[in-house]
């Protein structure tokens, strides 16, 4: 089980999920005034973020996902991280 977002546009930017999450799954994006599920693989399904969200934008899903790396983690793409060798 993991946390997922129903509708990111409905997020009001209160940061309650960021404050309540014991596993640092969330990141607050000040430019968009929204929280981002940055590390969903760390979610322990405790439900603290879900219960704290006043806008009801989060849900706990019953499936496991293979998450692609989020660009903000390394601030670069996979190609930039591992440049091809010149021959």
N, C-alpha and C. Protein backbone atom coordinates (compact mmCIF):
# COMPACT_ATOMS: atom_id res chain seq x y z
N UNK A 1 0.84 -1.18 0.00
CA UNK A 1 0.00 0.00 0.00
C UNK A 1 0.88 1.24 0.00
N UNK A 2 0.33 2.29 -0.58
CA UNK A 2 1.10 3.52 -0.70
C UNK A 2 0.16 4.70 -0.80
N UNK A 3 0.70 5.87 -0.66
CA UNK A 3 -0.09 7.10 -0.77
C UNK A 3 -0.08 7.55 -2.23
N UNK A 4 -1.17 8.13 -2.66
CA UNK A 4 -1.29 8.66 -4.02
C UNK A 4 -2.12 9.94 -3.96
N UNK A 5 -2.05 10.71 -5.00
CA UNK A 5 -2.77 11.99 -5.07
C UNK A 5 -4.00 11.82 -5.93
N UNK A 6 -5.16 12.23 -5.42
CA UNK A 6 -6.39 12.21 -6.21
C UNK A 6 -6.34 13.30 -7.27
N UNK A 7 -6.03 14.52 -6.81
CA UNK A 7 -6.04 15.67 -7.69
C UNK A 7 -5.03 16.68 -7.16
N UNK A 8 -3.91 16.83 -7.83
CA UNK A 8 -2.86 17.74 -7.36
C UNK A 8 -3.30 19.19 -7.41
N UNK A 9 -4.14 19.53 -8.34
CA UNK A 9 -4.61 20.91 -8.47
C UNK A 9 -5.46 21.34 -7.27
N UNK A 10 -6.06 20.38 -6.58
CA UNK A 10 -6.91 20.70 -5.43
C UNK A 10 -6.09 20.93 -4.16
N UNK A 11 -4.80 20.64 -4.19
CA UNK A 11 -3.93 20.85 -3.03
C UNK A 11 -3.89 22.34 -2.70
N UNK A 12 -4.13 22.67 -1.42
CA UNK A 12 -4.19 24.08 -1.01
C UNK A 12 -2.85 24.58 -0.45
N UNK A 13 -1.85 23.72 -0.38
CA UNK A 13 -0.52 24.14 0.06
C UNK A 13 -0.39 24.37 1.55
N UNK A 14 -1.19 23.69 2.35
CA UNK A 14 -1.15 23.90 3.80
C UNK A 14 0.06 23.23 4.46
N UNK A 15 0.69 22.30 3.79
CA UNK A 15 1.89 21.59 4.25
C UNK A 15 1.64 20.64 5.41
N UNK A 16 0.41 20.33 5.71
CA UNK A 16 0.13 19.40 6.81
C UNK A 16 0.67 18.02 6.52
N UNK A 17 0.59 17.58 5.27
CA UNK A 17 1.12 16.26 4.92
C UNK A 17 2.64 16.23 5.09
N UNK A 18 3.29 17.32 4.74
CA UNK A 18 4.75 17.42 4.88
C UNK A 18 5.14 17.35 6.35
N UNK A 19 4.39 18.04 7.19
CA UNK A 19 4.69 18.08 8.62
C UNK A 19 4.38 16.76 9.32
N UNK A 20 3.31 16.08 8.90
CA UNK A 20 2.86 14.87 9.60
C UNK A 20 3.58 13.60 9.17
N UNK A 21 4.11 13.56 7.97
CA UNK A 21 4.71 12.33 7.45
C UNK A 21 6.00 11.99 8.19
N UNK A 22 6.06 10.83 8.86
CA UNK A 22 7.28 10.44 9.58
C UNK A 22 8.38 9.92 8.67
N UNK A 23 8.07 9.66 7.41
CA UNK A 23 9.04 9.06 6.49
C UNK A 23 9.53 10.03 5.41
N UNK A 24 9.22 11.30 5.50
CA UNK A 24 9.63 12.31 4.52
C UNK A 24 9.26 11.94 3.08
N UNK A 25 8.03 11.48 2.91
CA UNK A 25 7.54 11.13 1.57
C UNK A 25 7.25 12.39 0.77
N UNK A 26 6.86 13.46 1.44
CA UNK A 26 6.41 14.68 0.77
C UNK A 26 7.48 15.75 0.73
N UNK A 27 7.34 16.60 -0.28
CA UNK A 27 8.19 17.78 -0.45
C UNK A 27 7.24 18.95 -0.75
N UNK A 28 7.50 20.10 -0.17
CA UNK A 28 6.68 21.27 -0.46
C UNK A 28 7.35 22.09 -1.55
N UNK A 29 6.63 22.34 -2.62
CA UNK A 29 7.12 23.14 -3.73
C UNK A 29 6.62 24.58 -3.56
N UNK A 30 7.49 25.49 -3.11
CA UNK A 30 7.04 26.87 -2.86
C UNK A 30 6.66 27.63 -4.13
N UNK A 31 7.18 27.24 -5.26
CA UNK A 31 6.84 27.92 -6.51
C UNK A 31 5.40 27.67 -6.92
N UNK A 32 4.93 26.45 -6.69
CA UNK A 32 3.55 26.11 -7.05
C UNK A 32 2.61 26.14 -5.86
N UNK A 33 3.16 26.31 -4.66
CA UNK A 33 2.39 26.29 -3.41
C UNK A 33 1.59 25.00 -3.28
N UNK A 34 2.28 23.87 -3.52
CA UNK A 34 1.65 22.55 -3.45
C UNK A 34 2.66 21.56 -2.89
N UNK A 35 2.15 20.51 -2.27
CA UNK A 35 3.04 19.44 -1.82
C UNK A 35 3.19 18.43 -2.95
N UNK A 36 4.33 17.78 -2.98
CA UNK A 36 4.64 16.80 -4.00
C UNK A 36 4.97 15.49 -3.30
N UNK A 37 4.44 14.39 -3.82
CA UNK A 37 4.79 13.08 -3.29
C UNK A 37 6.13 12.71 -3.94
N UNK A 38 7.20 12.99 -3.24
CA UNK A 38 8.53 12.85 -3.81
C UNK A 38 9.11 11.45 -3.64
N UNK A 39 8.90 10.83 -2.50
CA UNK A 39 9.44 9.49 -2.25
C UNK A 39 8.32 8.52 -1.87
N UNK A 40 7.45 8.16 -2.81
CA UNK A 40 6.33 7.27 -2.50
C UNK A 40 6.78 5.88 -2.06
N UNK A 41 7.97 5.48 -2.47
CA UNK A 41 8.46 4.16 -2.07
C UNK A 41 8.79 4.09 -0.59
N UNK A 42 8.91 5.24 0.08
CA UNK A 42 9.17 5.27 1.52
C UNK A 42 7.89 5.21 2.35
N UNK A 43 6.74 5.30 1.70
CA UNK A 43 5.46 5.34 2.41
C UNK A 43 5.23 4.05 3.19
N UNK A 44 4.87 4.22 4.47
CA UNK A 44 4.59 3.07 5.34
C UNK A 44 3.09 2.88 5.55
N UNK A 45 2.28 3.62 4.81
CA UNK A 45 0.82 3.53 4.86
C UNK A 45 0.27 3.77 6.26
N UNK A 46 0.85 4.70 6.98
CA UNK A 46 0.37 5.00 8.33
C UNK A 46 -0.91 5.84 8.29
N UNK A 47 -1.13 6.57 7.19
CA UNK A 47 -2.34 7.35 7.01
C UNK A 47 -2.33 8.71 7.67
N UNK A 48 -1.22 9.13 8.25
CA UNK A 48 -1.16 10.43 8.92
C UNK A 48 -1.39 11.58 7.95
N UNK A 49 -0.80 11.51 6.77
CA UNK A 49 -0.98 12.56 5.77
C UNK A 49 -2.42 12.58 5.27
N UNK A 50 -2.97 11.41 5.05
CA UNK A 50 -4.35 11.27 4.57
C UNK A 50 -5.33 11.89 5.56
N UNK A 51 -5.14 11.61 6.84
CA UNK A 51 -6.03 12.15 7.87
C UNK A 51 -5.84 13.66 8.07
N UNK A 52 -4.64 14.16 7.83
CA UNK A 52 -4.35 15.57 8.05
C UNK A 52 -4.76 16.48 6.89
N UNK A 53 -4.98 15.92 5.72
CA UNK A 53 -5.26 16.73 4.52
C UNK A 53 -6.67 17.32 4.56
N UNK A 54 -6.79 18.65 4.73
CA UNK A 54 -8.12 19.27 4.79
C UNK A 54 -8.81 19.35 3.43
N UNK A 55 -8.04 19.28 2.35
CA UNK A 55 -8.61 19.38 1.00
C UNK A 55 -8.99 18.02 0.44
N UNK A 56 -8.69 16.95 1.17
CA UNK A 56 -9.02 15.58 0.74
C UNK A 56 -8.44 15.26 -0.64
N UNK A 57 -7.15 15.56 -0.83
CA UNK A 57 -6.51 15.31 -2.12
C UNK A 57 -5.68 14.03 -2.14
N UNK A 58 -5.57 13.36 -1.00
CA UNK A 58 -4.75 12.15 -0.91
C UNK A 58 -5.61 10.91 -0.79
N UNK A 59 -5.06 9.78 -1.19
CA UNK A 59 -5.71 8.50 -1.02
C UNK A 59 -4.66 7.43 -0.79
N UNK A 60 -5.03 6.41 -0.09
CA UNK A 60 -4.13 5.28 0.12
C UNK A 60 -4.57 4.19 -0.85
N UNK A 61 -3.67 3.81 -1.72
CA UNK A 61 -3.98 2.82 -2.75
C UNK A 61 -3.51 1.44 -2.31
N UNK A 62 -4.19 0.45 -2.79
CA UNK A 62 -3.94 -0.92 -2.37
C UNK A 62 -2.99 -1.67 -3.30
N UNK A 63 -2.32 -0.96 -4.17
CA UNK A 63 -1.41 -1.60 -5.10
C UNK A 63 0.00 -1.07 -4.89
N UNK A 64 0.97 -1.82 -5.31
CA UNK A 64 2.35 -1.34 -5.25
C UNK A 64 2.76 -0.92 -6.66
N UNK A 65 3.56 0.11 -6.73
CA UNK A 65 3.95 0.68 -8.02
C UNK A 65 5.46 0.66 -8.16
N UNK A 66 5.90 0.63 -9.39
CA UNK A 66 7.30 0.84 -9.70
C UNK A 66 7.41 2.31 -10.09
N UNK A 67 8.03 3.11 -9.25
CA UNK A 67 8.09 4.54 -9.50
C UNK A 67 9.35 4.89 -10.28
N UNK A 68 9.16 5.70 -11.30
CA UNK A 68 10.29 6.22 -12.05
C UNK A 68 10.99 7.28 -11.21
N UNK A 69 12.29 7.45 -11.39
CA UNK A 69 12.99 8.50 -10.64
C UNK A 69 12.41 9.87 -10.92
N UNK A 70 12.19 10.63 -9.90
CA UNK A 70 11.64 11.97 -10.05
C UNK A 70 12.79 12.92 -10.37
N UNK A 71 12.65 13.77 -11.42
CA UNK A 71 13.75 14.64 -11.83
C UNK A 71 14.28 15.55 -10.74
N UNK A 72 13.45 15.97 -9.79
CA UNK A 72 13.92 16.89 -8.76
C UNK A 72 14.91 16.23 -7.80
N UNK A 73 14.91 14.91 -7.73
CA UNK A 73 15.81 14.22 -6.80
C UNK A 73 17.26 14.52 -7.11
N UNK A 74 17.65 14.33 -8.36
CA UNK A 74 19.03 14.57 -8.72
C UNK A 74 19.21 15.83 -9.54
N UNK A 75 18.11 16.45 -9.89
CA UNK A 75 18.10 17.66 -10.70
C UNK A 75 18.80 17.48 -12.04
N UNK A 76 18.82 16.24 -12.49
CA UNK A 76 19.35 15.97 -13.83
C UNK A 76 18.77 14.67 -14.34
N UNK A 77 18.86 14.47 -15.63
CA UNK A 77 18.28 13.27 -16.22
C UNK A 77 19.26 12.11 -16.12
N UNK A 78 18.79 10.93 -16.45
CA UNK A 78 19.63 9.74 -16.39
C UNK A 78 20.81 9.86 -17.35
N UNK A 79 20.58 10.41 -18.55
CA UNK A 79 21.66 10.56 -19.52
C UNK A 79 22.76 11.49 -19.01
N UNK A 80 22.35 12.56 -18.33
CA UNK A 80 23.34 13.49 -17.78
C UNK A 80 24.12 12.85 -16.64
N UNK A 81 23.47 11.98 -15.89
CA UNK A 81 24.12 11.33 -14.76
C UNK A 81 25.13 10.28 -15.23
N UNK A 82 24.83 9.66 -16.35
CA UNK A 82 25.73 8.65 -16.90
C UNK A 82 26.02 8.97 -18.36
N UNK A 83 26.93 9.88 -18.61
CA UNK A 83 27.21 10.24 -19.99
C UNK A 83 27.83 9.07 -20.76
N UNK A 84 27.50 9.02 -22.03
CA UNK A 84 28.04 7.95 -22.86
C UNK A 84 29.53 8.19 -23.10
N UNK A 85 30.26 7.11 -23.15
CA UNK A 85 31.70 7.20 -23.41
C UNK A 85 31.95 7.49 -24.88
N UNK A 86 32.88 8.37 -25.13
CA UNK A 86 33.25 8.68 -26.52
C UNK A 86 34.21 7.62 -27.01
N UNK A 87 34.01 7.24 -28.23
CA UNK A 87 34.88 6.19 -28.81
C UNK A 87 36.06 6.76 -29.50
